[in-house]
């Protein structure tokens, strides 16, 4: 076809990013409520601190 795999398509990359953001929005508030710090959550989920802070702000 075009020599691309599914994982290389823009649609796949955008869907993957959207899914990751949705998971963060659902998970971060629960982990904060459980007493984890933003830094601990970022480390455990292997994401930037900024992504955790953004997800925390969106949940409020």
N, C-alpha and C. Protein backbone atom coordinates (compact mmCIF):
# COMPACT_ATOMS: atom_id res chain seq x y z
N UNK A 1 0.84 -1.17 0.00
CA UNK A 1 0.00 0.00 0.00
C UNK A 1 0.89 1.24 0.00
N UNK A 2 1.06 1.89 1.11
CA UNK A 2 1.92 3.06 1.17
C UNK A 2 3.23 2.77 1.88
N UNK A 3 3.43 1.54 2.26
CA UNK A 3 4.64 1.18 2.96
C UNK A 3 4.60 1.53 4.44
N UNK A 4 3.42 1.76 5.00
CA UNK A 4 3.27 2.10 6.40
C UNK A 4 2.64 0.95 7.17
N UNK A 5 3.05 0.80 8.41
CA UNK A 5 2.35 -0.13 9.29
C UNK A 5 1.27 0.66 10.01
N UNK A 6 0.35 -0.02 10.63
CA UNK A 6 -0.72 0.64 11.37
C UNK A 6 -0.14 1.58 12.42
N UNK A 7 0.89 1.14 13.12
CA UNK A 7 1.49 1.93 14.19
C UNK A 7 2.15 3.22 13.68
N UNK A 8 2.44 3.30 12.41
CA UNK A 8 3.08 4.47 11.84
C UNK A 8 2.09 5.53 11.36
N UNK A 9 0.82 5.20 11.35
CA UNK A 9 -0.17 6.15 10.84
C UNK A 9 -0.48 7.23 11.86
N UNK A 10 -0.83 8.40 11.37
CA UNK A 10 -1.19 9.50 12.25
C UNK A 10 -2.42 9.17 13.08
N UNK A 11 -3.38 8.49 12.46
CA UNK A 11 -4.60 8.10 13.18
C UNK A 11 -4.26 7.24 14.38
N UNK A 12 -3.41 6.25 14.20
CA UNK A 12 -3.02 5.36 15.30
C UNK A 12 -2.31 6.14 16.40
N UNK A 13 -1.38 7.01 16.03
CA UNK A 13 -0.63 7.79 17.01
C UNK A 13 -1.55 8.70 17.81
N UNK A 14 -2.51 9.34 17.14
CA UNK A 14 -3.45 10.22 17.83
C UNK A 14 -4.37 9.43 18.75
N UNK A 15 -4.83 8.28 18.29
CA UNK A 15 -5.70 7.44 19.12
C UNK A 15 -4.95 6.94 20.35
N UNK A 16 -3.72 6.59 20.17
CA UNK A 16 -2.90 6.11 21.29
C UNK A 16 -2.70 7.24 22.31
N UNK A 17 -2.42 8.44 21.83
CA UNK A 17 -2.24 9.59 22.73
C UNK A 17 -3.54 9.91 23.46
N UNK A 18 -4.66 9.86 22.76
CA UNK A 18 -5.95 10.12 23.39
C UNK A 18 -6.24 9.08 24.47
N UNK A 19 -5.95 7.85 24.20
CA UNK A 19 -6.16 6.78 25.18
C UNK A 19 -5.29 6.97 26.40
N UNK A 20 -4.07 7.38 26.18
CA UNK A 20 -3.14 7.62 27.30
C UNK A 20 -3.66 8.76 28.18
N UNK A 21 -4.14 9.82 27.55
CA UNK A 21 -4.67 10.96 28.31
C UNK A 21 -5.91 10.57 29.11
N UNK A 22 -6.75 9.75 28.50
CA UNK A 22 -7.97 9.30 29.18
C UNK A 22 -7.61 8.46 30.41
N UNK A 23 -6.63 7.60 30.26
CA UNK A 23 -6.20 6.77 31.39
C UNK A 23 -5.63 7.65 32.50
N UNK A 24 -4.84 8.64 32.14
CA UNK A 24 -4.28 9.55 33.15
C UNK A 24 -5.40 10.30 33.88
N UNK A 25 -6.39 10.78 33.15
CA UNK A 25 -7.49 11.52 33.78
C UNK A 25 -8.26 10.64 34.77
N UNK A 26 -8.35 9.36 34.48
CA UNK A 26 -9.06 8.45 35.38
C UNK A 26 -8.20 7.98 36.53
N UNK A 27 -6.92 7.82 36.31
CA UNK A 27 -6.02 7.22 37.30
C UNK A 27 -5.43 8.22 38.28
N UNK A 28 -5.01 9.36 37.79
CA UNK A 28 -4.30 10.33 38.63
C UNK A 28 -5.12 10.74 39.87
N UNK A 29 -6.38 11.11 39.73
CA UNK A 29 -7.13 11.49 40.94
C UNK A 29 -7.19 10.38 41.99
N UNK A 30 -7.32 9.15 41.54
CA UNK A 30 -7.36 8.03 42.48
C UNK A 30 -6.04 7.87 43.22
N UNK A 31 -4.94 8.01 42.50
CA UNK A 31 -3.63 7.87 43.12
C UNK A 31 -3.33 9.03 44.06
N UNK A 32 -3.76 10.23 43.70
CA UNK A 32 -3.60 11.37 44.59
C UNK A 32 -4.40 11.17 45.87
N UNK A 33 -5.62 10.67 45.71
CA UNK A 33 -6.47 10.41 46.87
C UNK A 33 -5.87 9.33 47.77
N UNK A 34 -5.13 8.41 47.18
CA UNK A 34 -4.48 7.34 47.94
C UNK A 34 -3.23 7.83 48.66
N UNK A 35 -2.86 9.08 48.39
CA UNK A 35 -1.74 9.67 49.11
C UNK A 35 -0.43 9.75 48.36
N UNK A 36 -0.43 9.38 47.09
CA UNK A 36 0.79 9.48 46.31
C UNK A 36 1.02 10.92 45.88
N UNK A 37 2.28 11.30 45.79
CA UNK A 37 2.63 12.63 45.30
C UNK A 37 2.60 12.65 43.77
N UNK A 38 2.57 13.84 43.22
CA UNK A 38 2.60 14.01 41.77
C UNK A 38 3.86 13.37 41.20
N UNK A 39 4.97 13.58 41.88
CA UNK A 39 6.25 13.03 41.41
C UNK A 39 6.24 11.50 41.44
N UNK A 40 5.67 10.92 42.50
CA UNK A 40 5.58 9.46 42.59
C UNK A 40 4.71 8.89 41.47
N UNK A 41 3.60 9.54 41.22
CA UNK A 41 2.69 9.08 40.16
C UNK A 41 3.39 9.14 38.81
N UNK A 42 4.06 10.25 38.55
CA UNK A 42 4.77 10.41 37.28
C UNK A 42 5.81 9.31 37.11
N UNK A 43 6.54 9.03 38.17
CA UNK A 43 7.57 8.00 38.09
C UNK A 43 6.96 6.62 37.86
N UNK A 44 5.91 6.29 38.58
CA UNK A 44 5.30 4.97 38.45
C UNK A 44 4.61 4.77 37.10
N UNK A 45 4.03 5.83 36.56
CA UNK A 45 3.33 5.73 35.28
C UNK A 45 4.23 6.03 34.09
N UNK A 46 5.48 6.42 34.40
CA UNK A 46 6.48 6.71 33.37
C UNK A 46 6.01 7.83 32.43
N UNK A 47 5.54 8.92 33.06
CA UNK A 47 5.12 10.10 32.32
C UNK A 47 5.76 11.33 32.96
N UNK A 48 5.67 12.46 32.29
CA UNK A 48 6.19 13.70 32.83
C UNK A 48 5.33 14.20 33.99
N UNK A 49 5.97 14.92 34.91
CA UNK A 49 5.24 15.53 36.02
C UNK A 49 4.16 16.46 35.48
N UNK A 50 4.46 17.15 34.40
CA UNK A 50 3.49 18.07 33.80
C UNK A 50 2.22 17.34 33.35
N UNK A 51 2.38 16.13 32.82
CA UNK A 51 1.21 15.35 32.39
C UNK A 51 0.34 14.98 33.58
N UNK A 52 0.96 14.64 34.69
CA UNK A 52 0.22 14.30 35.90
C UNK A 52 -0.48 15.54 36.44
N UNK A 53 0.21 16.67 36.46
CA UNK A 53 -0.41 17.91 36.94
C UNK A 53 -1.59 18.31 36.06
N UNK A 54 -1.44 18.15 34.77
CA UNK A 54 -2.53 18.47 33.85
C UNK A 54 -3.73 17.58 34.09
N UNK A 55 -3.49 16.30 34.27
CA UNK A 55 -4.59 15.35 34.52
C UNK A 55 -5.26 15.66 35.86
N UNK A 56 -4.49 16.07 36.85
CA UNK A 56 -5.05 16.42 38.14
C UNK A 56 -5.93 17.65 38.03
N UNK A 57 -5.49 18.64 37.27
CA UNK A 57 -6.27 19.87 37.10
C UNK A 57 -7.56 19.60 36.33
N UNK A 58 -7.51 18.72 35.35
CA UNK A 58 -8.69 18.42 34.54
C UNK A 58 -9.74 17.67 35.33
N UNK A 59 -9.32 16.98 36.39
CA UNK A 59 -10.28 16.19 37.16
C UNK A 59 -11.03 17.03 38.19
N UNK A 60 -10.55 18.26 38.43
CA UNK A 60 -11.21 19.09 39.43
C UNK A 60 -12.19 20.04 38.79
